[in-house]
């Protein structure tokens, strides 16, 4: 929704991993069409939730929003999954794993 960005942890949702032992971290940036950050990435934010409040998302009139997410199930941070969304349309345009 417009007030947050939500993601799914399919491993937890399908019962492969316990939710209580799973942590996430994310960082955000406004990027151009070549996926290069205009002003760099935000710092990492750690959470137990699969929701990023809209208040922490960077504001921009154009370009793309990049959100990089990692998960820790007790053995260190995973490789990143990065989602790119169009600011103008509000749609996901790419996903890197």
C-alpha atoms as a PDB file:
ATOM      1  CA  UNK A   1       0.000   0.000   0.000  1.00  0.00           C
ATOM      2  CA  UNK A   2       1.026   3.656  -0.213  1.00  0.00           C
ATOM      3  CA  UNK A   3       1.965   3.822   3.451  1.00  0.00           C
ATOM      4  CA  UNK A   4       4.336   0.855   3.460  1.00  0.00           C
ATOM      5  CA  UNK A   5       6.210  -1.632   1.343  1.00  0.00           C
ATOM      6  CA  UNK A   6       5.638  -5.282   2.154  1.00  0.00           C
ATOM      7  CA  UNK A   7       7.610  -8.353   1.190  1.00  0.00           C
ATOM      8  CA  UNK A   8       7.096 -12.074   1.739  1.00  0.00           C
ATOM      9  CA  UNK A   9       9.441 -14.620   3.270  1.00  0.00           C
ATOM     10  CA  UNK A  10       8.251 -17.773   1.556  1.00  0.00           C
ATOM     11  CA  UNK A  11      10.466 -19.958   3.760  1.00  0.00           C
ATOM     12  CA  UNK A  12       8.610 -18.773   6.874  1.00  0.00           C
ATOM     13  CA  UNK A  13       5.190 -18.689   5.176  1.00  0.00           C
ATOM     14  CA  UNK A  14       5.581 -22.315   3.996  1.00  0.00           C
ATOM     15  CA  UNK A  15       6.810 -23.503   7.414  1.00  0.00           C
ATOM     16  CA  UNK A  16      10.436 -24.246   6.469  1.00  0.00           C
ATOM     17  CA  UNK A  17      11.813 -21.748   8.994  1.00  0.00           C
ATOM     18  CA  UNK A  18      10.413 -20.495  12.330  1.00  0.00           C
ATOM     19  CA  UNK A  19       9.287 -16.864  12.221  1.00  0.00           C
ATOM     20  CA  UNK A  20      10.532 -16.107  15.740  1.00  0.00           C
ATOM     21  CA  UNK A  21      14.147 -16.871  14.824  1.00  0.00           C
ATOM     22  CA  UNK A  22      14.192 -14.888  11.575  1.00  0.00           C
ATOM     23  CA  UNK A  23      15.478 -11.323  11.229  1.00  0.00           C
ATOM     24  CA  UNK A  24      15.604  -9.042   8.224  1.00  0.00           C
ATOM     25  CA  UNK A  25      17.534  -5.977   7.248  1.00  0.00           C
ATOM     26  CA  UNK A  26      16.908  -3.556   4.425  1.00  0.00           C
ATOM     27  CA  UNK A  27      18.253  -0.408   2.854  1.00  0.00           C
ATOM     28  CA  UNK A  28      16.800   1.879   0.205  1.00  0.00           C
ATOM     29  CA  UNK A  29      17.912   4.249  -2.540  1.00  0.00           C
ATOM     30  CA  UNK A  30      16.479   6.290  -5.372  1.00  0.00           C
ATOM     31  CA  UNK A  31      18.184   5.001  -8.529  1.00  0.00           C
ATOM     32  CA  UNK A  32      18.312   5.932 -12.205  1.00  0.00           C
ATOM     33  CA  UNK A  33      17.433   3.714 -15.188  1.00  0.00           C
ATOM     34  CA  UNK A  34      20.899   2.092 -14.930  1.00  0.00           C
ATOM     35  CA  UNK A  35      20.194   1.210 -11.276  1.00  0.00           C
ATOM     36  CA  UNK A  36      22.793   3.640  -9.986  1.00  0.00           C
ATOM     37  CA  UNK A  37      21.904   5.442  -6.728  1.00  0.00           C
ATOM     38  CA  UNK A  38      21.452   9.194  -7.095  1.00  0.00           C
ATOM     39  CA  UNK A  39      22.617   9.955  -3.544  1.00  0.00           C
ATOM     40  CA  UNK A  40      23.802   6.594  -2.224  1.00  0.00           C
ATOM     41  CA  UNK A  41      22.064   3.949  -0.146  1.00  0.00           C
ATOM     42  CA  UNK A  42      20.466   4.497   3.230  1.00  0.00           C
ATOM     43  CA  UNK A  43      21.968   2.738   6.216  1.00  0.00           C
ATOM     44  CA  UNK A  44      20.839  -0.799   7.016  1.00  0.00           C
ATOM     45  CA  UNK A  45      17.717  -1.090   9.184  1.00  0.00           C
ATOM     46  CA  UNK A  46      17.189  -4.345  11.106  1.00  0.00           C
ATOM     47  CA  UNK A  47      13.684  -5.626  11.826  1.00  0.00           C
ATOM     48  CA  UNK A  48      11.611  -8.727  12.568  1.00  0.00           C
ATOM     49  CA  UNK A  49       8.810  -7.513  10.276  1.00  0.00           C
ATOM     50  CA  UNK A  50       8.315  -8.032   6.540  1.00  0.00           C
ATOM     51  CA  UNK A  51       7.047  -4.478   6.165  1.00  0.00           C
ATOM     52  CA  UNK A  52       8.956  -1.257   5.539  1.00  0.00           C
ATOM     53  CA  UNK A  53       7.083   1.846   6.778  1.00  0.00           C
ATOM     54  CA  UNK A  54       6.464   4.457   4.121  1.00  0.00           C
ATOM     55  CA  UNK A  55       7.973   7.101   6.381  1.00  0.00           C
ATOM     56  CA  UNK A  56      11.471   5.616   5.910  1.00  0.00           C
ATOM     57  CA  UNK A  57      11.215   5.266   2.126  1.00  0.00           C
ATOM     58  CA  UNK A  58      13.087   7.991   0.244  1.00  0.00           C
ATOM     59  CA  UNK A  59      10.917  10.559  -1.489  1.00  0.00           C
ATOM     60  CA  UNK A  60      11.504  11.488  -5.125  1.00  0.00           C
ATOM     61  CA  UNK A  61       9.368  12.789  -7.962  1.00  0.00           C
ATOM     62  CA  UNK A  62      10.889  10.512 -10.603  1.00  0.00           C
ATOM     63  CA  UNK A  63      13.252   7.609 -11.109  1.00  0.00           C
ATOM     64  CA  UNK A  64      13.111   4.258  -9.398  1.00  0.00           C
ATOM     65  CA  UNK A  65      13.051   3.095  -5.801  1.00  0.00           C
ATOM     66  CA  UNK A  66      15.501   0.300  -4.970  1.00  0.00           C
ATOM     67  CA  UNK A  67      15.000  -1.794  -1.851  1.00  0.00           C
ATOM     68  CA  UNK A  68      17.697  -4.302  -0.874  1.00  0.00           C
ATOM     69  CA  UNK A  69      16.673  -6.991   1.655  1.00  0.00           C
ATOM     70  CA  UNK A  70      18.666  -9.678   3.467  1.00  0.00           C
ATOM     71  CA  UNK A  71      17.563 -12.363   5.927  1.00  0.00           C
ATOM     72  CA  UNK A  72      19.337 -13.926   8.922  1.00  0.00           C
ATOM     73  CA  UNK A  73      18.125 -17.264  10.219  1.00  0.00           C
ATOM     74  CA  UNK A  74      20.835 -17.535  12.860  1.00  0.00           C
ATOM     75  CA  UNK A  75      23.822 -18.186  10.608  1.00  0.00           C
ATOM     76  CA  UNK A  76      24.581 -14.724   9.211  1.00  0.00           C
ATOM     77  CA  UNK A  77      23.060 -12.448   6.602  1.00  0.00           C
ATOM     78  CA  UNK A  78      21.949 -13.953   3.309  1.00  0.00           C
ATOM     79  CA  UNK A  79      22.886 -12.595  -0.114  1.00  0.00           C
ATOM     80  CA  UNK A  80      20.703  -9.646  -1.094  1.00  0.00           C
ATOM     81  CA  UNK A  81      17.441  -9.590  -2.975  1.00  0.00           C
ATOM     82  CA  UNK A  82      16.900  -6.172  -4.556  1.00  0.00           C
ATOM     83  CA  UNK A  83      13.563  -4.936  -5.858  1.00  0.00           C
ATOM     84  CA  UNK A  84      13.279  -1.945  -8.215  1.00  0.00           C
ATOM     85  CA  UNK A  85      10.002  -0.064  -8.497  1.00  0.00           C
ATOM     86  CA  UNK A  86       8.954   2.793 -10.741  1.00  0.00           C
ATOM     87  CA  UNK A  87       8.157   5.885  -8.685  1.00  0.00           C
ATOM     88  CA  UNK A  88       5.817   7.175 -11.416  1.00  0.00           C
ATOM     89  CA  UNK A  89       3.713   4.015 -11.812  1.00  0.00           C
ATOM     90  CA  UNK A  90       4.220   2.350  -8.441  1.00  0.00           C
ATOM     91  CA  UNK A  91       4.977  -0.962 -10.186  1.00  0.00           C
ATOM     92  CA  UNK A  92       7.858  -3.385  -9.729  1.00  0.00           C
ATOM     93  CA  UNK A  93      10.112  -3.233 -12.784  1.00  0.00           C
ATOM     94  CA  UNK A  94      12.943  -5.592 -11.815  1.00  0.00           C
ATOM     95  CA  UNK A  95      14.041  -8.056  -9.138  1.00  0.00           C
ATOM     96  CA  UNK A  96      17.650  -9.161  -8.602  1.00  0.00           C
ATOM     97  CA  UNK A  97      18.462 -12.202  -6.494  1.00  0.00           C
END
